Protein backbone atom coordinates (compact mmCIF):
# COMPACT_ATOMS: atom_id res chain seq x y z
CA MET A 1 0.00 0.00 0.00
CA PRO A 2 1.80 3.16 -1.14
CA SER A 3 2.23 6.23 1.03
CA GLU A 4 1.80 9.77 -0.25
CA SER A 5 5.17 10.91 1.05
CA THR A 6 8.63 9.79 -0.04
CA SER A 7 11.00 7.92 2.25
CA SER A 8 13.25 10.99 2.55
CA GLU A 9 10.33 13.02 3.91
CA ARG A 10 9.14 10.47 6.42
CA ARG A 11 9.66 10.73 10.16
CA LYS A 12 11.11 7.52 11.64
CA VAL A 13 8.99 5.95 14.36
CA ALA A 14 9.56 2.68 16.20
CA VAL A 15 6.70 0.57 17.54
CA VAL A 16 7.81 -2.16 19.97
CA GLY A 17 5.29 -4.99 20.22
CA ALA A 18 3.43 -6.45 17.23
CA GLY A 19 0.32 -7.59 19.08
CA PRO A 20 -3.08 -6.15 18.11
CA VAL A 21 -2.42 -2.74 19.68
CA GLY A 22 1.08 -2.36 18.20
CA CYS A 23 -0.01 -3.45 14.73
CA LEU A 24 -3.00 -1.13 14.79
CA ASN A 25 -0.79 1.77 15.86
CA ALA A 26 1.64 0.96 13.04
CA CYS A 27 -1.25 1.11 10.55
CA TYR A 28 -2.39 4.50 11.86
CA LEU A 29 1.17 5.86 11.73
CA ALA A 30 1.73 4.49 8.22
CA LYS A 31 -1.45 6.16 6.95
CA GLN A 32 -0.06 9.46 8.23
CA GLY A 33 3.15 8.98 6.27
CA PHE A 34 5.56 7.96 9.03
CA GLN A 35 8.36 5.50 8.33
CA VAL A 36 7.51 2.75 10.82
CA ASP A 37 9.71 -0.02 12.18
CA LEU A 38 7.52 -2.58 13.97
CA PHE A 39 9.41 -4.93 16.32
CA GLU A 40 8.24 -8.19 17.88
CA LEU A 41 10.04 -10.43 20.37
CA ARG A 42 8.42 -13.60 19.02
CA HIS A 43 8.63 -14.92 15.48
CA ASP A 44 5.90 -14.41 12.90
CA LEU A 45 2.85 -16.19 14.30
CA ARG A 46 1.32 -16.43 10.81
CA ARG A 47 3.99 -18.97 9.87
CA ASP A 48 3.50 -21.26 12.84
CA GLU A 49 0.22 -23.07 13.51
CA ARG A 50 1.60 -24.28 16.83
CA MET A 51 2.07 -20.77 18.17
CA SER A 52 -0.60 -18.84 20.02
CA ALA A 53 -0.72 -15.05 19.93
CA GLY A 54 0.33 -14.85 23.56
CA ARG A 55 -1.53 -16.37 26.50
CA SER A 56 -4.89 -14.68 26.28
CA ILE A 57 -8.53 -15.38 26.90
CA ASN A 58 -10.75 -15.05 23.82
CA ILE A 59 -11.35 -11.44 22.90
CA ALA A 60 -14.86 -9.99 23.21
CA LEU A 61 -14.78 -7.26 20.58
CA SER A 62 -17.11 -4.35 21.34
CA GLU A 63 -17.69 -0.80 20.09
CA ARG A 64 -14.43 0.75 21.30
CA GLY A 65 -12.32 -1.80 19.43
CA ARG A 66 -14.64 -1.73 16.43
CA ASN A 67 -14.37 2.05 16.25
CA ALA A 68 -10.57 1.89 16.19
CA LEU A 69 -10.61 -0.83 13.49
CA ARG A 70 -13.14 1.15 11.46
CA ALA A 71 -10.63 3.94 10.90
CA VAL A 72 -8.31 1.59 9.01
CA GLY A 73 -11.07 -0.28 7.17
CA LEU A 74 -10.75 -3.53 9.13
CA GLU A 75 -13.92 -3.61 11.22
CA GLN A 76 -15.95 -5.76 8.84
CA VAL A 77 -12.98 -8.01 8.05
CA VAL A 78 -12.76 -8.96 11.72
CA LEU A 79 -16.54 -9.18 12.27
CA ASP A 80 -16.84 -11.61 9.37
CA LYS A 81 -14.49 -13.97 11.24
CA SER A 82 -16.16 -13.54 14.64
CA VAL A 83 -19.21 -14.98 16.40
CA PRO A 84 -21.82 -12.48 17.66
CA MET A 85 -23.01 -12.85 21.26
CA SER A 86 -26.22 -11.04 22.17
CA SER A 87 -26.56 -12.23 25.77
CA ARG A 88 -25.17 -14.15 28.69
CA MET A 89 -26.51 -17.69 28.96
CA ILE A 90 -26.62 -18.60 32.64
CA HIS A 91 -26.17 -22.24 33.73
CA LYS A 92 -27.77 -22.39 37.19
CA PRO A 93 -27.99 -25.67 39.15
CA LEU A 94 -31.34 -26.50 40.74
CA PRO A 95 -31.94 -28.46 43.95
CA ASP A 96 -33.16 -31.48 41.98
CA GLY A 97 -29.81 -31.77 40.21
CA THR A 98 -30.97 -30.36 36.88
CA MET A 99 -29.50 -27.29 35.19
CA GLN A 100 -31.60 -24.19 34.54
CA LEU A 101 -30.56 -22.13 31.52
CA TYR A 102 -31.72 -18.55 31.01
CA GLU A 103 -30.57 -15.54 29.01
CA VAL A 104 -29.53 -12.12 30.30
CA PRO A 105 -29.41 -9.89 27.18
CA TYR A 106 -26.54 -7.43 26.83
CA GLY A 107 -28.74 -4.70 25.42
CA VAL A 108 -32.41 -3.87 24.89
CA TYR A 109 -32.17 -3.59 21.11
CA GLY A 110 -30.31 -6.80 20.27
CA GLU A 111 -26.81 -5.33 20.60
CA CYS A 112 -23.94 -7.82 20.31
CA ILE A 113 -20.37 -8.22 21.36
CA TYR A 114 -18.21 -10.48 19.18
CA SER A 115 -16.14 -13.49 20.18
CA VAL A 116 -12.86 -13.54 18.24
CA SER A 117 -9.54 -15.26 18.81
CA ARG A 118 -6.62 -13.01 19.65
CA ARG A 119 -4.50 -14.80 17.09
CA LEU A 120 -6.96 -14.12 14.28
CA ILE A 121 -7.23 -10.41 14.98
CA ASN A 122 -3.44 -10.24 15.32
CA GLU A 123 -2.99 -11.89 11.92
CA VAL A 124 -5.46 -9.49 10.26
CA LEU A 125 -3.62 -6.48 11.68
CA LEU A 126 -0.18 -7.88 10.79
CA ASP A 127 -1.35 -8.36 7.19
CA CYS A 128 -2.64 -4.79 7.13
CA ALA A 129 0.59 -3.30 8.52
CA GLU A 130 2.66 -5.34 6.10
CA GLN A 131 0.82 -3.92 3.09
CA PHE A 132 2.24 -0.44 3.70
CA ASP A 133 5.52 0.18 1.91
CA ASN A 134 6.56 2.45 4.79
CA VAL A 135 6.26 -0.29 7.45
CA ASN A 136 9.11 -2.71 8.12
CA LEU A 137 8.41 -5.75 10.30
CA HIS A 138 11.19 -7.14 12.48
CA PHE A 139 10.40 -10.45 14.19
CA SER A 140 12.48 -12.23 16.86
CA HIS A 141 13.83 -8.87 18.05
CA LYS A 142 14.36 -8.43 21.79
CA LEU A 143 14.65 -4.81 22.90
CA GLU A 144 17.84 -4.17 24.87
CA GLN A 145 18.23 -0.41 25.10
CA ILE A 146 16.66 2.84 23.94
CA ASP A 147 19.10 5.72 23.53
CA THR A 148 16.85 8.77 23.34
CA LYS A 149 19.80 11.17 23.18
CA ASN A 150 21.15 9.64 19.98
CA GLY A 151 17.81 8.35 18.72
CA THR A 152 18.63 4.66 18.45
CA ALA A 153 17.01 1.47 19.71
CA SER A 154 19.20 -1.61 20.19
CA PHE A 155 17.97 -5.20 19.92
CA THR A 156 19.20 -8.77 20.14
CA VAL A 157 17.99 -11.07 17.36
CA MET A 158 16.51 -14.21 18.90
CA GLU A 159 16.64 -17.67 17.38
CA SER A 160 13.53 -18.50 15.37
CA PRO A 161 12.09 -22.01 14.87
CA PHE A 162 12.30 -21.23 11.16
CA ASP A 163 16.10 -21.05 11.29
CA LYS A 164 18.66 -23.82 11.65
CA ALA A 165 21.70 -23.33 13.78
CA ASP A 166 23.56 -22.26 10.63
CA GLY A 167 20.98 -19.57 9.92
CA SER A 168 19.42 -21.31 6.93
CA GLU A 169 15.74 -22.10 6.54
CA MET A 170 14.48 -24.85 8.87
CA ALA A 171 14.03 -28.33 7.46
CA ASP A 172 10.30 -28.65 8.28
CA GLU A 173 8.82 -28.87 4.79
CA ASP A 174 5.32 -28.12 6.04
CA GLU A 175 6.48 -24.77 7.36
CA LYS A 176 8.77 -24.04 4.41
CA ASN A 177 5.97 -24.63 1.94
CA LYS A 178 3.25 -22.89 3.91
CA PRO A 179 1.49 -20.27 1.71
CA LEU A 180 2.33 -16.64 2.28
CA SER A 181 -0.32 -14.36 3.75
CA LYS A 182 -2.08 -11.83 1.51
CA GLY A 183 -0.01 -9.03 3.03
CA GLN A 184 3.23 -10.95 2.47
CA LYS A 185 2.31 -11.67 -1.16
CA LYS A 186 1.40 -8.05 -1.88
CA LYS A 187 4.53 -6.67 -0.28
CA LEU A 188 6.74 -9.21 -2.06
CA LYS A 189 5.20 -8.17 -5.38
CA GLU A 190 5.86 -4.50 -4.63
CA GLN A 191 9.42 -5.26 -3.56
CA LYS A 192 10.04 -7.13 -6.80
CA LYS A 193 8.81 -4.15 -8.80
CA LYS A 194 11.07 -1.84 -6.83
CA GLY A 195 13.96 -4.25 -7.29
CA GLN A 196 13.49 -4.31 -11.07
CA GLY A 197 13.53 -0.54 -11.15
CA LYS A 198 16.71 -0.41 -9.13
CA GLU A 199 18.40 -2.97 -11.38
CA GLU A 200 17.66 -0.75 -14.35
CA LYS A 201 19.38 2.10 -12.51
CA GLY A 202 22.19 -0.10 -11.32
CA GLU A 203 21.18 0.48 -7.73
CA GLN A 204 20.02 -3.00 -6.71
CA GLU A 205 20.31 -3.45 -2.93
CA GLU A 206 20.99 -6.76 -1.23
CA SER A 207 18.91 -7.69 1.79
CA VAL A 208 21.02 -8.76 4.75
CA LYS A 209 19.74 -11.59 6.93
CA LEU A 210 20.35 -10.99 10.62
CA GLU A 211 21.77 -14.00 12.44
CA PRO A 212 20.53 -15.07 15.88
CA GLY A 213 22.62 -13.34 18.51
CA SER A 214 23.38 -10.30 16.38
CA LYS A 215 22.68 -6.90 17.96
CA PRO A 216 21.35 -4.40 15.42
CA SER A 217 20.45 -0.79 16.18
CA TYR A 218 17.75 1.22 14.44
CA PRO A 219 17.29 5.00 14.26
CA PHE A 220 14.07 6.60 15.45
CA GLU A 221 12.57 9.95 16.33
CA PHE A 222 9.87 8.54 18.59
CA VAL A 223 9.16 5.14 20.22
CA PHE A 224 5.83 3.56 21.12
CA GLY A 225 5.78 0.76 23.69
CA CYS A 226 2.91 -1.59 22.82
CA ASP A 227 4.73 -4.59 24.25
CA GLY A 228 2.32 -5.79 26.90
CA ALA A 229 2.23 -6.07 30.68
CA ASN A 230 5.95 -6.96 30.88
CA SER A 231 6.90 -4.00 28.69
CA ARG A 232 10.61 -3.47 28.12
CA VAL A 233 9.90 0.03 26.82
CA ARG A 234 8.32 0.83 30.18
CA GLN A 235 11.48 -0.45 31.89
CA GLN A 236 13.52 1.96 29.76
CA MET A 237 11.19 4.84 30.68
CA MET A 238 11.54 4.07 34.37
CA ARG A 239 15.33 4.31 34.06
CA GLU A 240 15.05 7.77 32.56
CA ASP A 241 12.29 9.42 34.54
CA ALA A 242 10.25 9.29 37.76
CA ILE A 243 7.41 6.89 36.91
CA ASN A 244 4.79 5.86 39.44
CA PHE A 245 4.14 2.17 38.85
CA SER A 246 2.27 -0.64 40.60
CA GLN A 247 1.38 -4.21 39.69
CA THR A 248 -1.29 -5.88 41.80
CA TYR A 249 -2.08 -9.58 41.68
CA ILE A 250 -5.60 -10.60 42.64
CA GLU A 251 -6.28 -13.80 44.56
CA HIS A 252 -7.98 -15.41 41.57
CA ALA A 253 -6.36 -17.19 38.62
CA TYR A 254 -7.58 -18.92 35.48
CA LYS A 255 -7.20 -22.09 33.43
CA GLU A 256 -8.44 -22.65 29.87
CA LEU A 257 -10.35 -25.68 28.58
CA THR A 258 -12.16 -26.47 25.32
CA ILE A 259 -15.55 -27.79 24.29
CA TYR A 260 -14.76 -29.30 20.91
CA PRO A 261 -17.09 -29.17 17.87
CA ALA A 262 -19.58 -31.97 17.38
CA THR A 263 -18.52 -34.63 14.88
CA GLU A 264 -20.49 -35.54 11.78
CA ALA A 265 -21.73 -38.63 13.59
CA GLU A 266 -23.12 -36.41 16.39
CA LYS A 267 -24.93 -34.06 14.01
CA ASP A 268 -28.44 -35.21 14.97
CA LYS A 269 -27.65 -34.98 18.67
CA PHE A 270 -26.88 -31.24 18.73
CA PRO A 271 -29.42 -28.79 17.24
CA HIS A 272 -26.77 -26.06 16.91
CA TYR A 273 -24.31 -28.34 15.07
CA PRO A 274 -21.34 -28.07 14.88
CA PHE A 275 -21.77 -26.25 18.19
CA LYS A 276 -22.72 -28.37 21.19
CA MET A 277 -24.47 -25.45 22.92
CA ALA A 278 -26.54 -22.46 21.84
CA VAL A 279 -24.09 -20.41 19.85
CA ASN A 280 -24.79 -16.66 20.10
CA HIS A 281 -24.19 -16.34 23.82
CA LEU A 282 -21.42 -16.01 26.35
CA HIS A 283 -22.13 -19.00 28.59
CA ILE A 284 -21.57 -18.53 32.33
CA TRP A 285 -21.65 -21.03 35.20
CA PRO A 286 -21.75 -18.62 38.19
CA ARG A 287 -20.79 -20.36 41.42
CA GLY A 288 -20.35 -17.56 43.94
CA ASP A 289 -16.61 -17.45 44.56
CA PHE A 290 -15.68 -18.86 41.16
CA MET A 291 -17.11 -19.38 37.68
CA LEU A 292 -16.70 -21.03 34.30
CA ILE A 293 -17.30 -19.13 31.06
CA ALA A 294 -17.43 -20.35 27.44
CA LEU A 295 -17.09 -18.24 24.29
CA PRO A 296 -18.01 -19.63 20.85
CA ASN A 297 -15.50 -19.90 18.00
CA PRO A 298 -16.28 -19.98 14.25
CA ASP A 299 -15.14 -23.63 13.99
CA GLY A 300 -17.91 -24.80 16.34
CA SER A 301 -15.77 -25.06 19.46
CA PHE A 302 -16.06 -23.09 22.71
CA THR A 303 -13.08 -21.64 24.54
CA CYS A 304 -13.78 -22.25 28.23
CA THR A 305 -12.11 -20.57 31.18
CA ILE A 306 -12.32 -21.43 34.86
CA PHE A 307 -11.77 -18.42 37.14
CA MET A 308 -11.35 -19.14 40.84
CA PRO A 309 -9.10 -18.46 43.84
CA THR A 310 -5.54 -19.68 43.44
CA LYS A 311 -5.88 -21.75 46.63
CA ASN A 312 -8.69 -23.76 44.99
CA PHE A 313 -6.48 -24.60 42.02
CA LYS A 314 -3.75 -25.72 44.43
CA GLN A 315 -6.21 -27.96 46.26
CA LEU A 316 -7.21 -29.63 42.99
CA GLU A 317 -3.57 -30.08 42.07
CA THR A 318 -2.96 -31.86 45.36
CA GLY A 319 -5.99 -34.08 44.87
CA GLY A 320 -5.01 -35.13 41.33
CA ASP A 321 -7.30 -36.27 38.52
CA ALA A 322 -9.93 -37.65 40.87
CA ALA A 323 -10.31 -34.28 42.60
CA VAL A 324 -10.47 -32.38 39.29
CA LEU A 325 -13.14 -34.68 37.90
CA ALA A 326 -15.19 -34.62 41.10
CA PHE A 327 -15.03 -30.80 41.21
CA CYS A 328 -16.11 -30.36 37.58
CA LYS A 329 -18.89 -32.94 37.88
CA GLN A 330 -20.23 -31.21 40.96
CA HIS A 331 -20.18 -27.66 39.62
CA PHE A 332 -20.21 -27.95 35.80
CA PRO A 333 -21.80 -31.34 35.04
CA ASP A 334 -23.22 -30.32 31.65
CA MET A 335 -19.79 -29.09 30.54
CA VAL A 336 -18.23 -32.42 31.56
CA ASP A 337 -20.83 -34.28 29.49
CA LEU A 338 -20.00 -32.16 26.43
CA VAL A 339 -16.22 -32.50 26.73
CA GLY A 340 -15.90 -36.05 28.02
CA GLU A 341 -13.99 -37.06 31.15
CA GLU A 342 -10.85 -38.25 29.38
CA GLN A 343 -10.52 -35.14 27.20
CA LEU A 344 -11.31 -32.87 30.14
CA LEU A 345 -8.50 -34.31 32.25
CA LYS A 346 -6.08 -34.17 29.31
CA ASP A 347 -6.78 -30.48 28.68
CA TYR A 348 -6.81 -29.62 32.37
CA ASN A 349 -3.39 -31.17 32.92
CA GLU A 350 -1.84 -29.70 29.77
CA ASN A 351 -2.97 -26.09 30.32
CA LYS A 352 -1.27 -24.27 33.14
CA VAL A 353 -2.88 -22.03 35.75
CA SER A 354 -2.24 -18.35 35.00
CA ARG A 355 -2.28 -15.55 37.54
CA LEU A 356 -4.29 -12.37 37.07
CA ALA A 357 -2.98 -8.88 37.78
CA TYR A 358 -3.60 -5.28 36.90
CA ILE A 359 -1.10 -2.49 36.31
CA LYS A 360 -1.38 1.19 37.14
CA MET A 361 1.23 3.81 36.26
CA PHE A 362 1.72 7.44 35.38
CA PRO A 363 2.84 9.21 33.29
CA PHE A 364 2.24 7.16 30.14
CA SER A 365 5.02 8.99 28.31
CA THR A 366 8.36 10.60 28.87
CA GLY A 367 10.50 12.39 26.30
CA LYS A 368 10.47 10.38 23.08
CA MET A 369 8.69 7.32 24.50
CA CYS A 370 4.99 6.58 24.93
CA LEU A 371 3.10 3.50 26.16
CA MET A 372 -0.19 2.07 24.93
CA GLY A 373 -2.39 -0.88 25.90
CA ASP A 374 -1.30 -3.33 28.61
CA ALA A 375 2.12 -1.71 28.78
CA ALA A 376 0.43 1.30 30.38
CA HIS A 377 -2.64 -0.17 32.08
CA ALA A 378 -3.09 -3.94 32.04
CA THR A 379 -6.43 -4.95 33.49
CA VAL A 380 -8.19 -8.17 34.50
CA PRO A 381 -10.36 -9.79 31.79
CA PHE A 382 -13.80 -9.71 33.43
CA TYR A 383 -15.27 -7.00 31.20
CA GLY A 384 -13.61 -8.17 27.99
CA GLN A 385 -12.22 -4.65 27.57
CA GLY A 386 -8.44 -5.12 27.67
CA MET A 387 -7.86 -5.14 23.92
CA ASN A 388 -10.78 -2.78 23.28
CA CYS A 389 -9.23 -0.28 25.68
CA GLY A 390 -5.79 -0.68 24.08
CA MET A 391 -7.21 -0.08 20.62
CA GLU A 392 -9.06 2.95 21.95
CA ASP A 393 -5.66 4.22 23.18
CA VAL A 394 -4.48 4.21 19.56
CA PHE A 395 -7.60 5.99 18.34
CA GLU A 396 -7.46 8.66 21.06
CA PHE A 397 -3.72 9.31 20.64
CA HIS A 398 -4.08 9.88 16.93
CA LYS A 399 -7.13 12.03 17.45
CA ILE A 400 -4.99 14.29 19.65
CA LEU A 401 -2.10 14.15 17.19
CA ASP A 402 -4.47 15.15 14.40
CA GLU A 403 -5.55 18.18 16.43
CA LEU A 404 -1.88 19.22 16.72
CA ASN A 405 -1.23 18.67 13.00
CA PRO A 406 0.41 21.92 11.82
CA GLY A 407 -0.11 21.03 8.17
CA LYS A 408 -3.76 20.04 8.33
CA GLN A 409 -5.73 21.74 5.60
CA VAL A 410 -9.08 20.01 5.91
CA PRO A 411 -10.72 19.65 9.37
CA GLY A 412 -10.83 15.99 10.39
CA VAL A 413 -8.54 14.84 7.56
CA ILE A 414 -4.93 13.94 8.33
CA SER A 415 -2.33 15.32 5.94
CA PRO A 416 0.26 12.58 5.37
CA ASN A 417 2.95 15.18 4.64
CA ALA A 418 2.45 17.14 7.86
CA PRO A 419 5.74 18.07 9.58
CA PHE A 420 5.27 16.07 12.78
CA THR A 421 8.34 16.99 14.81
CA PRO A 422 9.43 14.94 17.85
CA GLU A 423 8.29 17.87 19.98
CA ILE A 424 4.76 17.66 18.56
CA MET A 425 4.74 13.90 19.13
CA ALA A 426 5.85 14.40 22.74
CA THR A 427 3.13 16.99 23.31
CA ALA A 428 0.50 14.64 21.87
CA ALA A 429 1.78 11.80 24.05
CA GLU A 430 1.64 13.92 27.19
CA ARG A 431 -1.92 15.06 26.47
CA TYR A 432 -2.95 11.51 25.63
CA GLY A 433 -1.59 10.25 28.95
CA VAL A 434 -3.36 12.90 31.00
CA GLN A 435 -6.61 12.18 29.17
CA ARG A 436 -6.42 8.38 29.33
CA LYS A 437 -5.19 7.90 32.92
CA PRO A 438 -8.64 8.33 34.59
CA ASP A 439 -10.18 5.98 32.01
CA ALA A 440 -7.40 3.41 32.40
CA ASP A 441 -8.00 3.34 36.16
CA GLY A 442 -11.73 3.31 35.47
CA ILE A 443 -11.78 0.15 33.35
CA ILE A 444 -9.69 -1.67 35.97
CA GLN A 445 -12.29 -0.86 38.62
CA LEU A 446 -15.18 -1.72 36.29
CA SER A 447 -13.55 -5.06 35.46
CA LEU A 448 -13.02 -5.99 39.10
CA ASP A 449 -16.63 -5.08 39.89
CA ASN A 450 -17.93 -7.04 36.91
CA TYR A 451 -16.26 -10.21 38.15
CA ILE A 452 -18.52 -10.17 41.19
CA GLU A 453 -21.51 -9.66 38.91
CA MET A 454 -20.55 -12.56 36.61
CA ARG A 455 -19.68 -15.16 39.26
CA ALA A 456 -22.47 -14.32 41.70
CA SER A 457 -24.94 -11.54 40.90
CA VAL A 458 -26.30 -12.93 37.61
CA ALA A 459 -27.86 -15.77 39.62
CA ASP A 460 -29.45 -13.35 42.14
CA PRO A 461 -33.20 -12.57 41.61
CA LEU A 462 -32.71 -9.05 43.03
CA PHE A 463 -29.99 -8.36 40.47
CA LEU A 464 -32.21 -9.59 37.65
CA PHE A 465 -35.08 -7.38 38.90
CA LYS A 466 -32.83 -4.30 38.95
CA LYS A 467 -31.59 -5.23 35.47
CA LYS A 468 -35.17 -5.16 34.17
CA VAL A 469 -35.85 -1.78 35.78
CA ASP A 470 -32.56 -0.51 34.35
CA ASN A 471 -33.63 -1.49 30.83
CA ILE A 472 -37.13 -0.02 31.24
CA LEU A 473 -35.68 3.35 32.29
CA TYR A 474 -33.31 3.22 29.31
CA LYS A 475 -36.24 2.74 26.93
CA LEU A 476 -38.15 5.59 28.57
CA MET A 477 -35.21 8.01 28.85
CA PRO A 478 -32.50 6.95 26.34
CA GLN A 479 -30.77 10.33 26.39
CA SER A 480 -30.39 10.60 30.15
CA TRP A 481 -30.33 6.97 31.34
CA ILE A 482 -27.99 4.37 29.83
CA PRO A 483 -27.29 1.00 31.53
CA GLN A 484 -23.70 0.46 32.62
CA TYR A 485 -23.04 -2.47 30.27
CA THR A 486 -24.38 -0.49 27.32
CA MET A 487 -22.11 2.46 28.17
CA VAL A 488 -19.03 0.23 28.41
CA SER A 489 -19.59 -2.07 25.44
CA PHE A 490 -21.79 -0.21 22.96
CA THR A 491 -20.69 3.43 23.27
CA ASN A 492 -17.43 5.38 23.43
CA ILE A 493 -18.34 7.19 26.65
CA PRO A 494 -15.10 7.51 28.68
CA TYR A 495 -14.78 4.79 31.32
CA SER A 496 -14.39 7.41 34.09
CA GLU A 497 -17.67 8.99 33.03
CA VAL A 498 -19.31 5.54 32.98
CA ILE A 499 -18.41 5.11 36.66
CA ARG A 500 -19.82 8.53 37.57
CA ARG A 501 -23.10 7.79 35.81
CA ARG A 502 -23.23 4.22 37.13
CA ASP A 503 -22.93 5.30 40.75
CA LYS A 504 -25.73 7.82 40.34
CA GLN A 505 -28.00 5.31 38.56
CA ASN A 506 -27.26 2.50 41.02
CA SER A 507 -28.39 4.72 43.88
CA ILE A 508 -31.72 5.24 42.13
CA LEU A 509 -32.08 1.53 41.24
CA SER A 510 -31.43 0.51 44.84
CA THR A 511 -34.13 2.89 46.03
CA VAL A 512 -36.59 1.52 43.46
CA ALA A 513 -35.77 -2.07 44.44
CA GLN A 514 -36.20 -1.37 48.16
CA SER A 515 -39.52 0.34 47.51
CA ALA A 516 -40.72 -2.61 45.43
CA ILE A 517 -39.68 -5.10 48.12
CA GLY A 518 -41.41 -2.99 50.76
CA ALA A 519 -44.59 -2.78 48.69
CA ALA A 520 -44.56 -6.52 48.08
CA GLY A 521 -44.05 -7.19 51.77
CA ALA A 522 -46.94 -4.89 52.71
CA ALA A 523 -49.19 -6.60 50.18
CA VAL A 524 -48.36 -10.01 51.65
CA LEU A 525 -49.03 -8.83 55.19
CA GLY A 526 -52.23 -7.11 54.08
CA ALA A 527 -53.46 -10.31 52.50
């Protein structure tokens, strides 16, 4: 994808971290005419079916992420590969041993969030970034040092599974012959055209393959750290400036399991074939202090996650397979039936328990460095907003940068040839950090609160009553009353403002609920 500015005019920007947030930021920067170097510690996940896109629970894509994707024309591409979920499907055990299933809709007008694998969305964004001729991708690059004074970033090239010890292509024929992605094909074609032109001018350049262990340096005028909760860019920032930072582990952890698609032989057994459960829902088994959730995947499977206190996981580990099976049969019997005991134990033992933590820090930028996504504000996954919030970071930063654009000629339209100096970038980063900090803290609090709702409240009749009143008031007063979940998932209202409105509305809902309970009690006594 050509840029409107020449390479000599482009400002050099480095983006460290080629996850969804980093790739999206690279696309935004490329559209503005920057020369972008995108670095990733791991190798190219598109070339390795065995590799996950980082340990991550399925992504629930909602409006904030969709809005950020929309700006680079990728919203529909991702939605087409996602599964819509219009409600929670609650699995509640009854005293007689049966399981009651009921829906709790996300919105009043059929609004949906979308279940999508992190790997898939990462691949789509990598392909997009790769199509720009002013984006260079560098895989297996471990950041070692950022020299802001001289404007260089130093890396160590890590060994890739696609390289032999001698640096040549690995012997695995399946990987060697794996088809290139659309982005790789398009860029290769463009590079060939450029190469032919250079040969005609006698200026053909040879590409140099970097060997594992080599330590290249790259020039930059600004660096974005989109490299996750263990950000090395953040570590560099903390060496240079006074950064307030905290990482807090919660007492709960998680483990992933899978409900596999139904086979052809089971087709008549499952009405939602190839899915074994109703498909357009986020399934929840709320059990008070812990829960199981299941998100649908396009292939007919469900990605399941058990969230519970770390001590409970340790108790199961001590008890072995018998304890695991007894626990799952007691609390999630319908899930056990769908997975099968043997497969359940296999998956449980193969997938490790992962801890959950959130990160708070400030400022988000210093000098020529700026953090986005989990690098700045990792949260717990109970609202499905981690990636959505990170993508919103990208959108909001570039909105601020656009406002500072000294060469903008048309309001709302970015000029790709605008003279973005490092000083302007630093100003945009500072404003972005001040603006996003209250919202970053806000989504952490909202996520922690939502965990209580998911594992306990959704099975509470009082909660369900208040939910109905909440939706009725929304229908009656849509401009002044918006339910919390709608604000978070289906609007772009700042998270900090969501909390302010939520607290006010919850006070009213509690009063209404108490009045209703009092009236019902009086009616009973009067009878």
